[in-house]
Amino acid sequence: MFDQRHLRAFIAVAETGSVSRAATHLGYSQPAVTQQIRHMEAELGVPLFDRDSLPLRLTPEGRERLIVAEAIVMLGQRLTKSTQHVPHSDHK
């Protein structure tokens, strides 16, 4: 499975067209971003990027997954934000 870090790396590479720029933007190493993208591709069973093009371009499958990834990250941010405003209570 993959988590928010994988999704953020995928989105950053899609936005920048570069693993190096995405890594710099996220504060990750380039090998870490590459590994996260490869892990996602293995889990999903599809290539996300056309590696024969520079800048990197999304494959049709990658474009479909990008929409979902962006929605998941946005919902995660909304969830985090909404729970910051809820007072903590003791659960018994």
PDB file of N, CA and C in Angstrom:
ATOM      1  N   MET A   1       0.840  -1.184   0.000  1.00  0.00           N
ATOM      2  CA  MET A   1       0.000   0.000   0.000  1.00  0.00           C
ATOM      3  C   MET A   1       0.884   1.246   0.000  1.00  0.00           C
ATOM      4  N   PHE A   2       0.289   2.385  -0.249  1.00  0.00           N
ATOM      5  CA  PHE A   2       1.047   3.627  -0.223  1.00  0.00           C
ATOM      6  C   PHE A   2       0.322   4.647   0.649  1.00  0.00           C
ATOM      7  N   ASP A   3       1.056   5.682   1.032  1.00  0.00           N
ATOM      8  CA  ASP A   3       0.517   6.666   1.963  1.00  0.00           C
ATOM      9  C   ASP A   3       0.615   8.075   1.381  1.00  0.00           C
ATOM     10  N   GLN A   4       0.357   9.058   2.229  1.00  0.00           N
ATOM     11  CA  GLN A   4       0.359  10.457   1.800  1.00  0.00           C
ATOM     12  C   GLN A   4       1.703  10.877   1.200  1.00  0.00           C
ATOM     13  N   ARG A   5       2.800  10.350   1.713  1.00  0.00           N
ATOM     14  CA  ARG A   5       4.114  10.711   1.153  1.00  0.00           C
ATOM     15  C   ARG A   5       4.234  10.273  -0.299  1.00  0.00           C
ATOM     16  N   HIS A   6       3.750   9.082  -0.589  1.00  0.00           N
ATOM     17  CA  HIS A   6       3.772   8.595  -1.970  1.00  0.00           C
ATOM     18  C   HIS A   6       2.921   9.493  -2.860  1.00  0.00           C
ATOM     19  N   LEU A   7       1.736   9.820  -2.373  1.00  0.00           N
ATOM     20  CA  LEU A   7       0.827  10.658  -3.157  1.00  0.00           C
ATOM     21  C   LEU A   7       1.412  12.043  -3.388  1.00  0.00           C
ATOM     22  N   ARG A   8       2.009  12.627  -2.355  1.00  0.00           N
ATOM     23  CA  ARG A   8       2.613  13.958  -2.493  1.00  0.00           C
ATOM     24  C   ARG A   8       3.787  13.925  -3.480  1.00  0.00           C
ATOM     25  N   ALA A   9       4.576  12.853  -3.429  1.00  0.00           N
ATOM     26  CA  ALA A   9       5.690  12.723  -4.373  1.00  0.00           C
ATOM     27  C   ALA A   9       5.162  12.607  -5.801  1.00  0.00           C
ATOM     28  N   PHE A  10       4.149  11.802  -5.995  1.00  0.00           N
ATOM     29  CA  PHE A  10       3.533  11.630  -7.312  1.00  0.00           C
ATOM     30  C   PHE A  10       3.003  12.961  -7.838  1.00  0.00           C
ATOM     31  N   ILE A  11       2.282  13.688  -7.011  1.00  0.00           N
ATOM     32  CA  ILE A  11       1.725  14.981  -7.416  1.00  0.00           C
ATOM     33  C   ILE A  11       2.840  15.966  -7.743  1.00  0.00           C
ATOM     34  N   ALA A  12       3.881  16.000  -6.918  1.00  0.00           N
ATOM     35  CA  ALA A  12       4.988  16.941  -7.143  1.00  0.00           C
ATOM     36  C   ALA A  12       5.720  16.641  -8.444  1.00  0.00           C
ATOM     37  N   VAL A  13       5.955  15.371  -8.750  1.00  0.00           N
ATOM     38  CA  VAL A  13       6.616  15.024 -10.014  1.00  0.00           C
ATOM     39  C   VAL A  13       5.713  15.403 -11.186  1.00  0.00           C
ATOM     40  N   ALA A  14       4.418  15.149 -11.050  1.00  0.00           N
ATOM     41  CA  ALA A  14       3.481  15.517 -12.121  1.00  0.00           C
ATOM     42  C   ALA A  14       3.477  17.027 -12.345  1.00  0.00           C
ATOM     43  N   GLU A  15       3.533  17.796 -11.268  1.00  0.00           N
ATOM     44  CA  GLU A  15       3.494  19.261 -11.381  1.00  0.00           C
ATOM     45  C   GLU A  15       4.787  19.841 -11.937  1.00  0.00           C
ATOM     46  N   THR A  16       5.924  19.265 -11.538  1.00  0.00           N
ATOM     47  CA  THR A  16       7.219  19.825 -11.937  1.00  0.00           C
ATOM     48  C   THR A  16       7.794  19.178 -13.186  1.00  0.00           C
ATOM     49  N   GLY A  17       7.378  17.947 -13.490  1.00  0.00           N
ATOM     50  CA  GLY A  17       7.936  17.225 -14.623  1.00  0.00           C
ATOM     51  C   GLY A  17       9.334  16.707 -14.363  1.00  0.00           C
ATOM     52  N   SER A  18       9.733  16.710 -13.088  1.00  0.00           N
ATOM     53  CA  SER A  18      11.102  16.337 -12.745  1.00  0.00           C
ATOM     54  C   SER A  18      11.154  15.713 -11.355  1.00  0.00           C
ATOM     55  N   VAL A  19      11.832  14.583 -11.250  1.00  0.00           N
ATOM     56  CA  VAL A  19      12.026  13.952  -9.950  1.00  0.00           C
ATOM     57  C   VAL A  19      12.916  14.835  -9.079  1.00  0.00           C
ATOM     58  N   SER A  20      13.952  15.416  -9.669  1.00  0.00           N
ATOM     59  CA  SER A  20      14.871  16.274  -8.903  1.00  0.00           C
ATOM     60  C   SER A  20      14.153  17.486  -8.327  1.00  0.00           C
ATOM     61  N   ARG A  21      13.371  18.168  -9.153  1.00  0.00           N
ATOM     62  CA  ARG A  21      12.647  19.356  -8.666  1.00  0.00           C
ATOM     63  C   ARG A  21      11.596  18.972  -7.630  1.00  0.00           C
ATOM     64  N   ALA A  22      10.940  17.854  -7.846  1.00  0.00           N
ATOM     65  CA  ALA A  22       9.948  17.386  -6.873  1.00  0.00           C
ATOM     66  C   ALA A  22      10.619  17.082  -5.536  1.00  0.00           C
ATOM     67  N   ALA A  23      11.771  16.423  -5.589  1.00  0.00           N
ATOM     68  CA  ALA A  23      12.495  16.094  -4.360  1.00  0.00           C
ATOM     69  C   ALA A  23      12.897  17.358  -3.610  1.00  0.00           C
ATOM     70  N   THR A  24      13.407  18.334  -4.328  1.00  0.00           N
ATOM     71  CA  THR A  24      13.796  19.601  -3.706  1.00  0.00           C
ATOM     72  C   THR A  24      12.587  20.276  -3.078  1.00  0.00           C
ATOM     73  N   HIS A  25      11.490  20.321  -3.805  1.00  0.00           N
ATOM     74  CA  HIS A  25      10.261  20.953  -3.315  1.00  0.00           C
ATOM     75  C   HIS A  25       9.759  20.286  -2.033  1.00  0.00           C
ATOM     76  N   LEU A  26       9.853  18.962  -1.979  1.00  0.00           N
ATOM     77  CA  LEU A  26       9.332  18.207  -0.839  1.00  0.00           C
ATOM     78  C   LEU A  26      10.336  18.066   0.304  1.00  0.00           C
ATOM     79  N   GLY A  27      11.607  18.349   0.016  1.00  0.00           N
ATOM     80  CA  GLY A  27      12.642  18.147   1.028  1.00  0.00           C
ATOM     81  C   GLY A  27      13.043  16.690   1.167  1.00  0.00           C
ATOM     82  N   TYR A  28      12.848  15.906   0.110  1.00  0.00           N
ATOM     83  CA  TYR A  28      13.228  14.498   0.080  1.00  0.00           C
ATOM     84  C   TYR A  28      14.463  14.354  -0.800  1.00  0.00           C
ATOM     85  N   SER A  29      15.098  13.192  -0.719  1.00  0.00           N
ATOM     86  CA  SER A  29      16.186  12.909  -1.648  1.00  0.00           C
ATOM     87  C   SER A  29      15.581  12.441  -2.972  1.00  0.00           C
ATOM     88  N   GLN A  30      16.350  12.604  -4.042  1.00  0.00           N
ATOM     89  CA  GLN A  30      15.881  12.149  -5.357  1.00  0.00           C
ATOM     90  C   GLN A  30      15.618  10.641  -5.366  1.00  0.00           C
ATOM     91  N   PRO A  31      16.525   9.821  -4.785  1.00  0.00           N
ATOM     92  CA  PRO A  31      16.244   8.382  -4.760  1.00  0.00           C
ATOM     93  C   PRO A  31      14.965   8.039  -3.986  1.00  0.00           C
ATOM     94  N   ALA A  32      14.657   8.799  -2.944  1.00  0.00           N
ATOM     95  CA  ALA A  32      13.431   8.536  -2.175  1.00  0.00           C
ATOM     96  C   ALA A  32      12.197   8.784  -3.031  1.00  0.00           C
ATOM     97  N   VAL A  33      12.195   9.871  -3.793  1.00  0.00           N
ATOM     98  CA  VAL A  33      11.051  10.176  -4.658  1.00  0.00           C
ATOM     99  C   VAL A  33      10.926   9.114  -5.746  1.00  0.00           C
ATOM    100  N   THR A  34      12.042   8.744  -6.350  1.00  0.00           N
ATOM    101  CA  THR A  34      12.025   7.695  -7.376  1.00  0.00           C
ATOM    102  C   THR A  34      11.456   6.407  -6.805  1.00  0.00           C
ATOM    103  N   GLN A  35      11.886   6.044  -5.613  1.00  0.00           N
ATOM    104  CA  GLN A  35      11.406   4.821  -4.972  1.00  0.00           C
ATOM    105  C   GLN A  35       9.901   4.907  -4.684  1.00  0.00           C
ATOM    106  N   GLN A  36       9.430   6.055  -4.242  1.00  0.00           N
ATOM    107  CA  GLN A  36       8.002   6.214  -3.959  1.00  0.00           C
ATOM    108  C   GLN A  36       7.169   6.069  -5.232  1.00  0.00           C
ATOM    109  N   ILE A  37       7.648   6.656  -6.329  1.00  0.00           N
ATOM    110  CA  ILE A  37       6.930   6.544  -7.603  1.00  0.00           C
ATOM    111  C   ILE A  37       6.934   5.091  -8.086  1.00  0.00           C
ATOM    112  N   ARG A  38       8.062   4.442  -8.021  1.00  0.00           N
ATOM    113  CA  ARG A  38       8.142   3.036  -8.461  1.00  0.00           C
ATOM    114  C   ARG A  38       7.253   2.138  -7.609  1.00  0.00           C
ATOM    115  N   HIS A  39       7.206   2.426  -6.305  1.00  0.00           N
ATOM    116  CA  HIS A  39       6.350   1.651  -5.410  1.00  0.00           C
ATOM    117  C   HIS A  39       4.880   1.810  -5.816  1.00  0.00           C
ATOM    118  N   MET A  40       4.475   3.037  -6.087  1.00  0.00           N
ATOM    119  CA  MET A  40       3.093   3.273  -6.521  1.00  0.00           C
ATOM    120  C   MET A  40       2.796   2.547  -7.825  1.00  0.00           C
ATOM    121  N   GLU A  41       3.727   2.626  -8.773  1.00  0.00           N
ATOM    122  CA  GLU A  41       3.521   1.959 -10.062  1.00  0.00           C
ATOM    123  C   GLU A  41       3.389   0.448  -9.877  1.00  0.00           C
ATOM    124  N   ALA A  42       4.199  -0.121  -8.995  1.00  0.00           N
ATOM    125  CA  ALA A  42       4.122  -1.560  -8.736  1.00  0.00           C
ATOM    126  C   ALA A  42       2.788  -1.919  -8.082  1.00  0.00           C
ATOM    127  N   GLU A  43       2.363  -1.115  -7.120  1.00  0.00           N
ATOM    128  CA  GLU A  43       1.090  -1.368  -6.435  1.00  0.00           C
ATOM    129  C   GLU A  43      -0.101  -1.241  -7.390  1.00  0.00           C
ATOM    130  N   LEU A  44      -0.062  -0.218  -8.241  1.00  0.00           N
ATOM    131  CA  LEU A  44      -1.176   0.040  -9.154  1.00  0.00           C
ATOM    132  C   LEU A  44      -1.124  -0.828 -10.409  1.00  0.00           C
ATOM    133  N   GLY A  45       0.072  -1.315 -10.735  1.00  0.00           N
ATOM    134  CA  GLY A  45       0.226  -2.163 -11.913  1.00  0.00           C
ATOM    135  C   GLY A  45       0.216  -1.410 -13.229  1.00  0.00           C
ATOM    136  N   VAL A  46       0.487  -0.098 -13.172  1.00  0.00           N
ATOM    137  CA  VAL A  46       0.521   0.720 -14.390  1.00  0.00           C
ATOM    138  C   VAL A  46       1.660   1.729 -14.295  1.00  0.00           C
ATOM    139  N   PRO A  47       2.255   2.100 -15.442  1.00  0.00           N
ATOM    140  CA  PRO A  47       3.242   3.186 -15.413  1.00  0.00           C
ATOM    141  C   PRO A  47       2.518   4.518 -15.242  1.00  0.00           C
ATOM    142  N   LEU A  48       3.042   5.367 -14.382  1.00  0.00           N
ATOM    143  CA  LEU A  48       2.428   6.676 -14.143  1.00  0.00           C
ATOM    144  C   LEU A  48       3.029   7.755 -15.032  1.00  0.00           C
ATOM    145  N   PHE A  49       4.297   7.566 -15.428  1.00  0.00           N
ATOM    146  CA  PHE A  49       5.001   8.569 -16.229  1.00  0.00           C
ATOM    147  C   PHE A  49       5.615   7.935 -17.462  1.00  0.00           C
ATOM    148  N   ASP A  50       5.686   8.724 -18.524  1.00  0.00           N
ATOM    149  CA  ASP A  50       6.416   8.349 -19.730  1.00  0.00           C
ATOM    150  C   ASP A  50       7.860   8.764 -19.489  1.00  0.00           C
ATOM    151  N   ARG A  51       8.706   7.799 -19.254  1.00  0.00           N
ATOM    152  CA  ARG A  51      10.096   8.100 -18.907  1.00  0.00           C
ATOM    153  C   ARG A  51      10.957   8.417 -20.130  1.00  0.00           C
ATOM    154  N   ASP A  52      10.384   8.312 -21.315  1.00  0.00           N
ATOM    155  CA  ASP A  52      11.123   8.661 -22.531  1.00  0.00           C
ATOM    156  C   ASP A  52      11.016  10.143 -22.850  1.00  0.00           C
ATOM    157  N   SER A  53      10.241  10.871 -22.072  1.00  0.00           N
ATOM    158  CA  SER A  53      10.073  12.304 -22.335  1.00  0.00           C
ATOM    159  C   SER A  53      10.671  13.123 -21.195  1.00  0.00           C
ATOM    160  N   LEU A  54      11.231  14.247 -21.560  1.00  0.00           N
ATOM    161  CA  LEU A  54      11.704  15.223 -20.574  1.00  0.00           C
ATOM    162  C   LEU A  54      11.127  16.565 -20.966  1.00  0.00           C
ATOM    163  N   PRO A  55      10.427  17.239 -20.118  1.00  0.00           N
ATOM    164  CA  PRO A  55      10.116  16.826 -18.750  1.00  0.00           C
ATOM    165  C   PRO A  55       9.225  15.580 -18.738  1.00  0.00           C
ATOM    166  N   LEU A  56       9.220  14.908 -17.585  1.00  0.00           N
ATOM    167  CA  LEU A  56       8.392  13.716 -17.456  1.00  0.00           C
ATOM    168  C   LEU A  56       6.934  14.075 -17.688  1.00  0.00           C
ATOM    169  N   ARG A  57       6.255  13.228 -18.426  1.00  0.00           N
ATOM    170  CA  ARG A  57       4.829  13.440 -18.687  1.00  0.00           C
ATOM    171  C   ARG A  57       4.044  12.259 -18.142  1.00  0.00           C
ATOM    172  N   LEU A  58       2.857  12.560 -17.667  1.00  0.00           N
ATOM    173  CA  LEU A  58       1.974  11.507 -17.181  1.00  0.00           C
ATOM    174  C   LEU A  58       1.497  10.637 -18.336  1.00  0.00           C
ATOM    175  N   THR A  59       1.381   9.353 -18.081  1.00  0.00           N
ATOM    176  CA  THR A  59       0.714   8.455 -19.016  1.00  0.00           C
ATOM    177  C   THR A  59      -0.794   8.691 -18.868  1.00  0.00           C
ATOM    178  N   PRO A  60      -1.600   8.166 -19.778  1.00  0.00           N
ATOM    179  CA  PRO A  60      -3.056   8.284 -19.588  1.00  0.00           C
ATOM    180  C   PRO A  60      -3.504   7.714 -18.234  1.00  0.00           C
ATOM    181  N   GLU A  61      -2.907   6.597 -17.842  1.00  0.00           N
ATOM    182  CA  GLU A  61      -3.229   6.006 -16.537  1.00  0.00           C
ATOM    183  C   GLU A  61      -2.778   6.917 -15.401  1.00  0.00           C
ATOM    184  N   GLY A  62      -1.632   7.551 -15.594  1.00  0.00           N
ATOM    185  CA  GLY A  62      -1.124   8.488 -14.592  1.00  0.00           C
ATOM    186  C   GLY A  62      -2.032   9.693 -14.427  1.00  0.00           C
ATOM    187  N   ARG A  63      -2.570  10.190 -15.539  1.00  0.00           N
ATOM    188  CA  ARG A  63      -3.500  11.337 -15.467  1.00  0.00           C
ATOM    189  C   ARG A  63      -4.745  10.970 -14.664  1.00  0.00           C
ATOM    190  N   GLU A  64      -5.262   9.770 -14.899  1.00  0.00           N
ATOM    191  CA  GLU A  64      -6.438   9.316 -14.145  1.00  0.00           C
ATOM    192  C   GLU A  64      -6.125   9.219 -12.658  1.00  0.00           C
ATOM    193  N   ARG A  65      -4.963   8.661 -12.333  1.00  0.00           N
ATOM    194  CA  ARG A  65      -4.589   8.483 -10.918  1.00  0.00           C
ATOM    195  C   ARG A  65      -4.264   9.809 -10.250  1.00  0.00           C
ATOM    196  N   LEU A  66      -3.776  10.785 -11.018  1.00  0.00           N
ATOM    197  CA  LEU A  66      -3.449  12.098 -10.451  1.00  0.00           C
ATOM    198  C   LEU A  66      -4.698  12.767  -9.891  1.00  0.00           C
ATOM    199  N   ILE A  67      -5.795  12.677 -10.604  1.00  0.00           N
ATOM    200  CA  ILE A  67      -7.049  13.273 -10.135  1.00  0.00           C
ATOM    201  C   ILE A  67      -7.438  12.684  -8.781  1.00  0.00           C
ATOM    202  N   VAL A  68      -7.324  11.374  -8.666  1.00  0.00           N
ATOM    203  CA  VAL A  68      -7.674  10.698  -7.418  1.00  0.00           C
ATOM    204  C   VAL A  68      -6.675  11.057  -6.317  1.00  0.00           C
ATOM    205  N   ALA A  69      -5.387  11.066  -6.644  1.00  0.00           N
ATOM    206  CA  ALA A  69      -4.356  11.397  -5.652  1.00  0.00           C
ATOM    207  C   ALA A  69      -4.561  12.798  -5.096  1.00  0.00           C
ATOM    208  N   GLU A  70      -4.850  13.756  -5.966  1.00  0.00           N
ATOM    209  CA  GLU A  70      -5.079  15.130  -5.514  1.00  0.00           C
ATOM    210  C   GLU A  70      -6.297  15.206  -4.594  1.00  0.00           C
ATOM    211  N   ALA A  71      -7.335  14.463  -4.921  1.00  0.00           N
ATOM    212  CA  ALA A  71      -8.540  14.451  -4.084  1.00  0.00           C
ATOM    213  C   ALA A  71      -8.251  13.842  -2.716  1.00  0.00           C
ATOM    214  N   ILE A  72      -7.482  12.752  -2.691  1.00  0.00           N
ATOM    215  CA  ILE A  72      -7.153  12.101  -1.421  1.00  0.00           C
ATOM    216  C   ILE A  72      -6.337  13.036  -0.539  1.00  0.00           C
ATOM    217  N   VAL A  73      -5.332  13.687  -1.111  1.00  0.00           N
ATOM    218  CA  VAL A  73      -4.500  14.610  -0.335  1.00  0.00           C
ATOM    219  C   VAL A  73      -5.347  15.765   0.187  1.00  0.00           C
ATOM    220  N   MET A  74      -6.217  16.311  -0.656  1.00  0.00           N
ATOM    221  CA  MET A  74      -7.077  17.413  -0.231  1.00  0.00           C
ATOM    222  C   MET A  74      -7.998  16.978   0.911  1.00  0.00           C
ATOM    223  N   LEU A  75      -8.591  15.800   0.795  1.00  0.00           N
ATOM    224  CA  LEU A  75      -9.470  15.309   1.854  1.00  0.00           C
ATOM    225  C   LEU A  75      -8.699  15.060   3.146  1.00  0.00           C
ATOM    226  N   GLY A  76      -7.486  14.557   3.029  1.00  0.00           N
ATOM    227  CA  GLY A  76      -6.647  14.364   4.211  1.00  0.00           C
ATOM    228  C   GLY A  76      -6.355  15.679   4.912  1.00  0.00           C
ATOM    229  N   GLN A  77      -6.089  16.718   4.127  1.00  0.00           N
ATOM    230  CA  GLN A  77      -5.841  18.042   4.701  1.00  0.00           C
ATOM    231  C   GLN A  77      -7.097  18.580   5.375  1.00  0.00           C
ATOM    232  N   ARG A  78      -8.238  18.389   4.748  1.00  0.00           N
ATOM    233  CA  ARG A  78      -9.503  18.849   5.342  1.00  0.00           C
ATOM    234  C   ARG A  78      -9.794  18.113   6.636  1.00  0.00           C
ATOM    235  N   LEU A  79      -9.531  16.814   6.662  1.00  0.00           N
ATOM    236  CA  LEU A  79      -9.755  16.027   7.868  1.00  0.00           C
ATOM    237  C   LEU A  79      -8.865  16.520   8.998  1.00  0.00           C
ATOM    238  N   THR A  80      -7.597  16.737   8.687  1.00  0.00           N
ATOM    239  CA  THR A  80      -6.663  17.232   9.694  1.00  0.00           C
ATOM    240  C   THR A  80      -7.106  18.585  10.219  1.00  0.00           C
ATOM    241  N   LYS A  81      -7.498  19.467   9.314  1.00  0.00           N
ATOM    242  CA  LYS A  81      -7.954  20.803   9.705  1.00  0.00           C
ATOM    243  C   LYS A  81      -9.196  20.734  10.579  1.00  0.00           C
ATOM    244  N   SER A  82     -10.130  19.889  10.207  1.00  0.00           N
ATOM    245  CA  SER A  82     -11.386  19.818  10.962  1.00  0.00           C
ATOM    246  C   SER A  82     -11.182  19.238  12.352  1.00  0.00           C
ATOM    247  N   THR A  83     -10.242  18.330  12.511  1.00  0.00           N
ATOM    248  CA  THR A  83     -10.014  17.746  13.830  1.00  0.00           C
ATOM    249  C   THR A  83      -9.224  18.677  14.734  1.00  0.00           C
ATOM    250  N   GLN A  84      -8.558  19.665  14.173  1.00  0.00           N
ATOM    251  CA  GLN A  84      -7.830  20.632  14.995  1.00  0.00           C
ATOM    252  C   GLN A  84      -8.783  21.552  15.738  1.00  0.00           C
ATOM    253  N   HIS A  85     -10.008  21.675  15.260  1.00  0.00           N
ATOM    254  CA  HIS A  85     -10.979  22.582  15.865  1.00  0.00           C
ATOM    255  C   HIS A  85     -11.943  21.874  16.808  1.00  0.00           C
ATOM    256  N   VAL A  86     -11.784  20.575  16.970  1.00  0.00           N
ATOM    257  CA  VAL A  86     -12.667  19.812  17.841  1.00  0.00           C
ATOM    258  C   VAL A  86     -11.996  19.662  19.194  1.00  0.00           C
ATOM    259  N   PRO A  87     -12.681  20.067  20.280  1.00  0.00           N
ATOM    260  CA  PRO A  87     -12.073  19.898  21.606  1.00  0.00           C
ATOM    261  C   PRO A  87     -11.918  18.418  21.929  1.00  0.00           C
ATOM    262  N   HIS A  88     -10.832  18.097  22.583  1.00  0.00           N
ATOM    263  CA  HIS A  88     -10.581  16.708  22.976  1.00  0.00           C
ATOM    264  C   HIS A  88     -11.468  16.364  24.160  1.00  0.00           C
ATOM    265  N   SER A  89     -12.016  15.173  24.146  1.00  0.00           N
ATOM    266  CA  SER A  89     -12.835  14.724  25.270  1.00  0.00           C
ATOM    267  C   SER A  89     -12.320  13.381  25.742  1.00  0.00           C
ATOM    268  N   ASP A  90     -12.656  13.065  26.962  1.00  0.00           N
ATOM    269  CA  ASP A  90     -12.264  11.767  27.512  1.00  0.00           C
ATOM    270  C   ASP A  90     -13.250  10.715  27.032  1.00  0.00           C
ATOM    271  N   HIS A  91     -12.721   9.676  26.420  1.00  0.00           N
ATOM    272  CA  HIS A  91     -13.566   8.573  25.963  1.00  0.00           C
ATOM    273  C   HIS A  91     -13.500   7.467  26.988  1.00  0.00           C
ATOM    274  N   LYS A  92     -14.645   6.999  27.404  1.00  0.00           N
ATOM    275  CA  LYS A  92     -14.678   5.926  28.411  1.00  0.00           C
ATOM    276  C   LYS A  92     -15.307   4.695  27.835  1.00  0.00           C
TER     277      LYS A  92
END
